[in-house]
Amino acid sequence: MQPTIEDRLAIRQLLYRYADAADRRDAAAFAACFAGGAVDISGPGFAMTDPVQVVGTLAAKYVWTMHNVHNSLHEVDGDRASGYTYCVASHVRAEANGARVKEDWYIRYEDELLRQGGDWVFLRRRLVPGAITHVPLAE
């Protein structure tokens, strides 16, 4: 079923809140994007179920990130929705020799959502990278 304009806007805001919380390393705001505070983000070779773990991993691996949310399409069935979101996530990491490298992840998120207390939250989010590029940054 096609979502209403209100559902589309609310789902879009969820996508933005998720990206913002990840980039600001705000574990509480990140956890609030998920039903009951539970997180299930899985991708190639990893699965994370704790928002502190997700945000901590970003903070430990990267000095800076920026998640750019692009097109998304979700179908609504009552208080549940499913669909996908495209994103380019830029990550900057510092190498042991002091050099900095930018990794761009071209991501398709496969989403399962729940309307909870009037707000949309994630039940599950699967990260499927299409490509990852590495670019050395000038000093």
N, C-alpha and C. Protein backbone atom coordinates (compact mmCIF):
# COMPACT_ATOMS: atom_id res chain seq x y z
N MET A 1 0.84 -1.18 0.00
CA MET A 1 0.00 0.00 0.00
C MET A 1 0.89 1.25 0.00
N GLN A 2 0.50 2.23 -0.77
CA GLN A 2 1.25 3.48 -0.83
C GLN A 2 1.11 4.23 0.50
N PRO A 3 2.20 4.74 1.02
CA PRO A 3 2.11 5.52 2.26
C PRO A 3 1.44 6.87 2.02
N THR A 4 0.81 7.39 3.04
CA THR A 4 0.24 8.74 2.97
C THR A 4 1.39 9.74 2.94
N ILE A 5 1.10 10.96 2.61
CA ILE A 5 2.13 12.01 2.62
C ILE A 5 2.69 12.17 4.04
N GLU A 6 1.83 12.02 5.05
CA GLU A 6 2.29 12.12 6.44
C GLU A 6 3.27 10.99 6.77
N ASP A 7 2.94 9.77 6.31
CA ASP A 7 3.85 8.64 6.54
C ASP A 7 5.17 8.85 5.80
N ARG A 8 5.09 9.33 4.57
CA ARG A 8 6.32 9.54 3.80
C ARG A 8 7.22 10.56 4.49
N LEU A 9 6.64 11.64 4.98
CA LEU A 9 7.43 12.66 5.67
C LEU A 9 8.00 12.11 6.98
N ALA A 10 7.20 11.38 7.74
CA ALA A 10 7.67 10.82 9.01
C ALA A 10 8.78 9.79 8.80
N ILE A 11 8.64 8.96 7.78
CA ILE A 11 9.69 7.98 7.47
C ILE A 11 10.95 8.70 7.03
N ARG A 12 10.80 9.71 6.21
CA ARG A 12 11.97 10.48 5.75
C ARG A 12 12.69 11.12 6.93
N GLN A 13 11.93 11.64 7.89
CA GLN A 13 12.55 12.23 9.08
C GLN A 13 13.32 11.17 9.88
N LEU A 14 12.79 9.96 9.95
CA LEU A 14 13.50 8.86 10.62
C LEU A 14 14.84 8.62 9.93
N LEU A 15 14.86 8.58 8.60
CA LEU A 15 16.10 8.36 7.86
C LEU A 15 17.11 9.45 8.16
N TYR A 16 16.66 10.69 8.24
CA TYR A 16 17.55 11.81 8.54
C TYR A 16 18.04 11.75 9.99
N ARG A 17 17.14 11.41 10.93
CA ARG A 17 17.55 11.32 12.34
C ARG A 17 18.63 10.25 12.53
N TYR A 18 18.46 9.13 11.85
CA TYR A 18 19.44 8.04 11.92
C TYR A 18 20.81 8.54 11.45
N ALA A 19 20.85 9.17 10.27
CA ALA A 19 22.12 9.67 9.72
C ALA A 19 22.74 10.72 10.63
N ASP A 20 21.93 11.63 11.13
CA ASP A 20 22.42 12.69 12.00
C ASP A 20 23.00 12.12 13.30
N ALA A 21 22.29 11.17 13.91
CA ALA A 21 22.77 10.58 15.16
C ALA A 21 24.08 9.81 14.94
N ALA A 22 24.18 9.11 13.82
CA ALA A 22 25.42 8.39 13.52
C ALA A 22 26.58 9.37 13.36
N ASP A 23 26.37 10.45 12.62
CA ASP A 23 27.44 11.40 12.36
C ASP A 23 27.83 12.21 13.59
N ARG A 24 26.87 12.45 14.48
CA ARG A 24 27.18 13.18 15.72
C ARG A 24 27.65 12.26 16.83
N ARG A 25 27.63 10.94 16.57
CA ARG A 25 28.03 9.92 17.56
C ARG A 25 27.14 9.99 18.81
N ASP A 26 25.85 10.19 18.58
CA ASP A 26 24.87 10.32 19.65
C ASP A 26 24.15 8.99 19.83
N ALA A 27 24.64 8.16 20.75
CA ALA A 27 24.10 6.81 20.94
C ALA A 27 22.63 6.84 21.37
N ALA A 28 22.25 7.81 22.21
CA ALA A 28 20.86 7.88 22.68
C ALA A 28 19.92 8.22 21.51
N ALA A 29 20.29 9.19 20.69
CA ALA A 29 19.46 9.55 19.54
C ALA A 29 19.44 8.41 18.53
N PHE A 30 20.55 7.72 18.38
CA PHE A 30 20.63 6.58 17.46
C PHE A 30 19.69 5.47 17.93
N ALA A 31 19.75 5.14 19.23
CA ALA A 31 18.89 4.09 19.79
C ALA A 31 17.41 4.45 19.65
N ALA A 32 17.08 5.74 19.74
CA ALA A 32 15.69 6.18 19.63
C ALA A 32 15.12 5.94 18.23
N CYS A 33 15.97 5.66 17.27
CA CYS A 33 15.51 5.37 15.90
C CYS A 33 15.01 3.94 15.76
N PHE A 34 15.17 3.13 16.80
CA PHE A 34 14.84 1.71 16.73
C PHE A 34 13.74 1.35 17.72
N ALA A 35 12.93 0.39 17.35
CA ALA A 35 11.84 -0.09 18.22
C ALA A 35 12.43 -0.64 19.50
N GLY A 36 11.92 -0.16 20.62
CA GLY A 36 12.37 -0.66 21.91
C GLY A 36 13.83 -0.44 22.18
N GLY A 37 14.48 0.45 21.43
CA GLY A 37 15.89 0.69 21.62
C GLY A 37 16.78 -0.40 21.03
N ALA A 38 16.18 -1.44 20.47
CA ALA A 38 16.97 -2.53 19.90
C ALA A 38 17.50 -2.14 18.53
N VAL A 39 18.67 -2.59 18.23
CA VAL A 39 19.30 -2.29 16.95
C VAL A 39 19.67 -3.59 16.27
N ASP A 40 19.42 -3.67 15.00
CA ASP A 40 19.89 -4.81 14.20
C ASP A 40 20.38 -4.24 12.89
N ILE A 41 21.66 -3.97 12.83
CA ILE A 41 22.28 -3.48 11.61
C ILE A 41 23.27 -4.53 11.18
N SER A 42 23.01 -5.12 10.06
CA SER A 42 23.93 -6.14 9.57
C SER A 42 24.38 -5.79 8.17
N GLY A 43 25.58 -6.20 7.88
CA GLY A 43 26.16 -5.97 6.57
C GLY A 43 27.14 -7.08 6.29
N PRO A 44 27.95 -6.93 5.27
CA PRO A 44 28.89 -7.99 4.93
C PRO A 44 29.95 -8.15 6.02
N GLY A 45 29.88 -9.25 6.74
CA GLY A 45 30.87 -9.55 7.76
C GLY A 45 30.62 -8.93 9.11
N PHE A 46 29.48 -8.29 9.33
CA PHE A 46 29.22 -7.73 10.65
C PHE A 46 27.72 -7.68 10.95
N ALA A 47 27.43 -7.73 12.22
CA ALA A 47 26.07 -7.55 12.72
C ALA A 47 26.19 -6.86 14.07
N MET A 48 25.47 -5.79 14.26
CA MET A 48 25.52 -5.04 15.51
C MET A 48 24.12 -4.93 16.08
N THR A 49 24.02 -5.15 17.37
CA THR A 49 22.71 -5.13 18.02
C THR A 49 22.62 -4.10 19.14
N ASP A 50 23.65 -3.33 19.37
CA ASP A 50 23.68 -2.37 20.46
C ASP A 50 24.04 -0.99 19.89
N PRO A 51 23.19 0.03 20.12
CA PRO A 51 23.48 1.35 19.55
C PRO A 51 24.82 1.91 20.02
N VAL A 52 25.20 1.62 21.25
CA VAL A 52 26.50 2.09 21.74
C VAL A 52 27.62 1.44 20.92
N GLN A 53 27.45 0.17 20.56
CA GLN A 53 28.43 -0.53 19.73
C GLN A 53 28.53 0.12 18.35
N VAL A 54 27.39 0.42 17.75
CA VAL A 54 27.39 1.01 16.41
C VAL A 54 28.09 2.37 16.45
N VAL A 55 27.67 3.22 17.37
CA VAL A 55 28.23 4.57 17.46
C VAL A 55 29.69 4.49 17.90
N GLY A 56 30.02 3.58 18.82
CA GLY A 56 31.40 3.40 19.26
C GLY A 56 32.31 2.92 18.14
N THR A 57 31.80 2.04 17.30
CA THR A 57 32.59 1.56 16.16
C THR A 57 32.89 2.69 15.19
N LEU A 58 31.90 3.52 14.91
CA LEU A 58 32.14 4.68 14.04
C LEU A 58 33.19 5.61 14.64
N ALA A 59 33.06 5.88 15.94
CA ALA A 59 33.99 6.80 16.60
C ALA A 59 35.41 6.22 16.66
N ALA A 60 35.52 4.92 16.85
CA ALA A 60 36.84 4.29 16.95
C ALA A 60 37.55 4.20 15.60
N LYS A 61 36.78 3.98 14.54
CA LYS A 61 37.39 3.77 13.22
C LYS A 61 37.59 5.05 12.42
N TYR A 62 36.73 6.05 12.66
CA TYR A 62 36.72 7.21 11.78
C TYR A 62 36.79 8.51 12.57
N VAL A 63 37.52 9.49 12.03
CA VAL A 63 37.59 10.80 12.67
C VAL A 63 36.41 11.67 12.26
N TRP A 64 35.73 11.27 11.19
CA TRP A 64 34.61 12.07 10.70
C TRP A 64 33.76 11.22 9.77
N THR A 65 32.45 11.42 9.81
CA THR A 65 31.55 10.75 8.86
C THR A 65 30.46 11.72 8.42
N MET A 66 29.91 11.45 7.25
CA MET A 66 28.75 12.20 6.78
C MET A 66 27.91 11.25 5.94
N HIS A 67 26.71 10.94 6.44
CA HIS A 67 25.78 10.07 5.73
C HIS A 67 24.82 10.94 4.92
N ASN A 68 24.87 10.78 3.61
CA ASN A 68 24.00 11.53 2.70
C ASN A 68 22.86 10.62 2.25
N VAL A 69 21.67 10.90 2.73
CA VAL A 69 20.49 10.09 2.43
C VAL A 69 19.94 10.51 1.07
N HIS A 70 19.72 9.52 0.22
CA HIS A 70 19.22 9.80 -1.13
C HIS A 70 17.81 9.22 -1.29
N ASN A 71 17.52 8.63 -2.43
CA ASN A 71 16.17 8.15 -2.67
C ASN A 71 15.80 6.98 -1.75
N SER A 72 14.53 6.92 -1.45
CA SER A 72 14.01 5.84 -0.62
C SER A 72 12.60 5.53 -1.09
N LEU A 73 12.19 4.30 -0.83
CA LEU A 73 10.84 3.88 -1.20
C LEU A 73 10.39 2.86 -0.17
N HIS A 74 9.29 3.16 0.50
CA HIS A 74 8.75 2.26 1.52
C HIS A 74 7.26 2.07 1.28
N GLU A 75 6.81 0.85 1.48
CA GLU A 75 5.39 0.54 1.40
C GLU A 75 4.87 0.33 2.81
N VAL A 76 3.68 0.84 3.07
CA VAL A 76 3.08 0.78 4.39
C VAL A 76 1.95 -0.24 4.40
N ASP A 77 1.92 -1.03 5.47
CA ASP A 77 0.83 -1.98 5.70
C ASP A 77 0.41 -1.82 7.15
N GLY A 78 -0.58 -0.95 7.38
CA GLY A 78 -1.01 -0.64 8.75
C GLY A 78 0.10 0.08 9.50
N ASP A 79 0.55 -0.51 10.60
CA ASP A 79 1.61 0.08 11.41
C ASP A 79 2.98 -0.51 11.09
N ARG A 80 3.10 -1.15 9.96
CA ARG A 80 4.39 -1.71 9.52
C ARG A 80 4.71 -1.17 8.13
N ALA A 81 5.99 -1.09 7.85
CA ALA A 81 6.43 -0.65 6.53
C ALA A 81 7.72 -1.38 6.20
N SER A 82 7.97 -1.52 4.92
CA SER A 82 9.23 -2.10 4.47
C SER A 82 9.64 -1.40 3.19
N GLY A 83 10.93 -1.40 2.96
CA GLY A 83 11.42 -0.76 1.75
C GLY A 83 12.92 -0.61 1.79
N TYR A 84 13.40 0.38 1.05
CA TYR A 84 14.84 0.58 0.96
C TYR A 84 15.18 2.06 0.97
N THR A 85 16.43 2.33 1.30
CA THR A 85 16.98 3.68 1.32
C THR A 85 18.37 3.62 0.73
N TYR A 86 18.67 4.54 -0.18
CA TYR A 86 20.04 4.66 -0.69
C TYR A 86 20.76 5.76 0.05
N CYS A 87 22.07 5.56 0.24
CA CYS A 87 22.88 6.49 1.00
C CYS A 87 24.31 6.42 0.49
N VAL A 88 24.99 7.55 0.47
CA VAL A 88 26.44 7.56 0.31
C VAL A 88 26.99 8.05 1.64
N ALA A 89 27.73 7.17 2.30
CA ALA A 89 28.31 7.49 3.60
C ALA A 89 29.80 7.73 3.42
N SER A 90 30.22 8.96 3.69
CA SER A 90 31.64 9.30 3.61
C SER A 90 32.25 9.15 5.00
N HIS A 91 33.40 8.47 5.04
CA HIS A 91 34.11 8.22 6.29
C HIS A 91 35.55 8.68 6.11
N VAL A 92 36.09 9.40 7.06
CA VAL A 92 37.50 9.78 7.03
C VAL A 92 38.19 9.07 8.18
N ARG A 93 39.28 8.34 7.83
CA ARG A 93 40.04 7.65 8.86
C ARG A 93 41.49 8.11 8.79
N ALA A 94 42.13 8.07 9.94
CA ALA A 94 43.54 8.42 10.04
C ALA A 94 44.36 7.14 10.03
N GLU A 95 45.37 7.10 9.16
CA GLU A 95 46.27 5.96 9.09
C GLU A 95 47.35 6.10 10.17
N ALA A 96 48.04 5.01 10.46
CA ALA A 96 49.09 5.01 11.48
C ALA A 96 50.20 6.01 11.13
N ASN A 97 50.44 6.22 9.84
CA ASN A 97 51.50 7.14 9.42
C ASN A 97 51.04 8.60 9.39
N GLY A 98 49.82 8.87 9.84
CA GLY A 98 49.29 10.23 9.88
C GLY A 98 48.49 10.63 8.65
N ALA A 99 48.58 9.84 7.60
CA ALA A 99 47.80 10.14 6.39
C ALA A 99 46.32 9.95 6.68
N ARG A 100 45.50 10.65 5.92
CA ARG A 100 44.05 10.51 6.05
C ARG A 100 43.47 9.96 4.76
N VAL A 101 42.51 9.07 4.92
CA VAL A 101 41.88 8.41 3.78
C VAL A 101 40.37 8.58 3.90
N LYS A 102 39.74 8.90 2.78
CA LYS A 102 38.27 8.98 2.75
C LYS A 102 37.73 7.71 2.12
N GLU A 103 36.80 7.08 2.81
CA GLU A 103 36.08 5.92 2.29
C GLU A 103 34.65 6.36 2.00
N ASP A 104 34.21 6.15 0.79
CA ASP A 104 32.81 6.40 0.46
C ASP A 104 32.13 5.05 0.29
N TRP A 105 31.10 4.83 1.08
CA TRP A 105 30.30 3.60 1.00
C TRP A 105 29.01 3.94 0.25
N TYR A 106 28.76 3.24 -0.84
CA TYR A 106 27.53 3.40 -1.61
C TYR A 106 26.58 2.30 -1.13
N ILE A 107 25.60 2.71 -0.35
CA ILE A 107 24.80 1.78 0.45
C ILE A 107 23.36 1.73 -0.02
N ARG A 108 22.80 0.54 0.04
CA ARG A 108 21.35 0.34 -0.03
C ARG A 108 20.99 -0.28 1.32
N TYR A 109 20.17 0.43 2.09
CA TYR A 109 19.65 -0.12 3.34
C TYR A 109 18.33 -0.80 3.04
N GLU A 110 18.15 -2.02 3.52
CA GLU A 110 16.86 -2.70 3.44
C GLU A 110 16.21 -2.55 4.80
N ASP A 111 15.08 -1.86 4.83
CA ASP A 111 14.44 -1.43 6.08
C ASP A 111 13.15 -2.17 6.38
N GLU A 112 12.97 -2.48 7.65
CA GLU A 112 11.67 -2.90 8.19
C GLU A 112 11.34 -1.92 9.29
N LEU A 113 10.16 -1.30 9.20
CA LEU A 113 9.77 -0.22 10.10
C LEU A 113 8.51 -0.58 10.88
N LEU A 114 8.34 0.12 11.99
CA LEU A 114 7.17 -0.04 12.84
C LEU A 114 6.71 1.35 13.28
N ARG A 115 5.38 1.57 13.22
CA ARG A 115 4.84 2.81 13.79
C ARG A 115 4.62 2.53 15.27
N GLN A 116 5.32 3.27 16.08
CA GLN A 116 5.30 3.04 17.53
C GLN A 116 5.02 4.37 18.23
N GLY A 117 3.91 4.44 18.93
CA GLY A 117 3.57 5.69 19.61
C GLY A 117 3.40 6.85 18.63
N GLY A 118 2.95 6.55 17.41
CA GLY A 118 2.73 7.58 16.41
C GLY A 118 3.96 7.90 15.57
N ASP A 119 5.13 7.38 15.95
CA ASP A 119 6.36 7.64 15.21
C ASP A 119 6.84 6.38 14.52
N TRP A 120 7.51 6.54 13.38
CA TRP A 120 8.12 5.41 12.69
C TRP A 120 9.51 5.16 13.27
N VAL A 121 9.82 3.88 13.50
CA VAL A 121 11.14 3.46 13.98
C VAL A 121 11.55 2.21 13.21
N PHE A 122 12.82 1.90 13.26
CA PHE A 122 13.32 0.70 12.59
C PHE A 122 13.10 -0.53 13.45
N LEU A 123 12.63 -1.59 12.84
CA LEU A 123 12.66 -2.92 13.46
C LEU A 123 13.97 -3.60 13.07
N ARG A 124 14.37 -3.39 11.82
CA ARG A 124 15.57 -4.02 11.29
C ARG A 124 16.10 -3.14 10.16
N ARG A 125 17.41 -3.10 10.07
CA ARG A 125 18.05 -2.34 8.99
C ARG A 125 19.25 -3.14 8.52
N ARG A 126 19.23 -3.53 7.27
CA ARG A 126 20.32 -4.31 6.69
C ARG A 126 21.10 -3.43 5.73
N LEU A 127 22.40 -3.34 5.92
CA LEU A 127 23.27 -2.50 5.11
C LEU A 127 23.86 -3.36 3.99
N VAL A 128 23.60 -2.95 2.75
CA VAL A 128 24.11 -3.67 1.59
C VAL A 128 24.96 -2.70 0.77
N PRO A 129 26.29 -2.79 0.89
CA PRO A 129 27.11 -1.86 0.11
C PRO A 129 27.20 -2.29 -1.35
N GLY A 130 27.03 -1.33 -2.25
CA GLY A 130 27.21 -1.61 -3.66
C GLY A 130 28.66 -1.48 -4.05
N ALA A 131 29.36 -0.53 -3.43
CA ALA A 131 30.78 -0.32 -3.68
C ALA A 131 31.35 0.49 -2.53
N ILE A 132 32.64 0.36 -2.35
CA ILE A 132 33.37 1.17 -1.35
C ILE A 132 34.61 1.70 -2.05
N THR A 133 34.80 3.02 -2.01
CA THR A 133 35.98 3.61 -2.62
C THR A 133 36.90 4.17 -1.52
N HIS A 134 38.18 4.20 -1.79
CA HIS A 134 39.19 4.75 -0.88
C HIS A 134 39.98 5.82 -1.62
N VAL A 135 40.04 7.01 -1.04
CA VAL A 135 40.74 8.12 -1.68
C VAL A 135 41.65 8.77 -0.64
N PRO A 136 42.97 8.85 -0.91
CA PRO A 136 43.85 9.56 -0.01
C PRO A 136 43.50 11.06 -0.01
N LEU A 137 43.55 11.68 1.18
CA LEU A 137 43.24 13.10 1.28
C LEU A 137 44.54 13.89 1.36
N ALA A 138 44.53 15.05 0.75
CA ALA A 138 45.71 15.94 0.80
C ALA A 138 45.85 16.48 2.22
N GLU A 139 47.06 16.75 2.59
CA GLU A 139 47.31 17.25 3.94
C GLU A 139 47.07 18.73 4.02
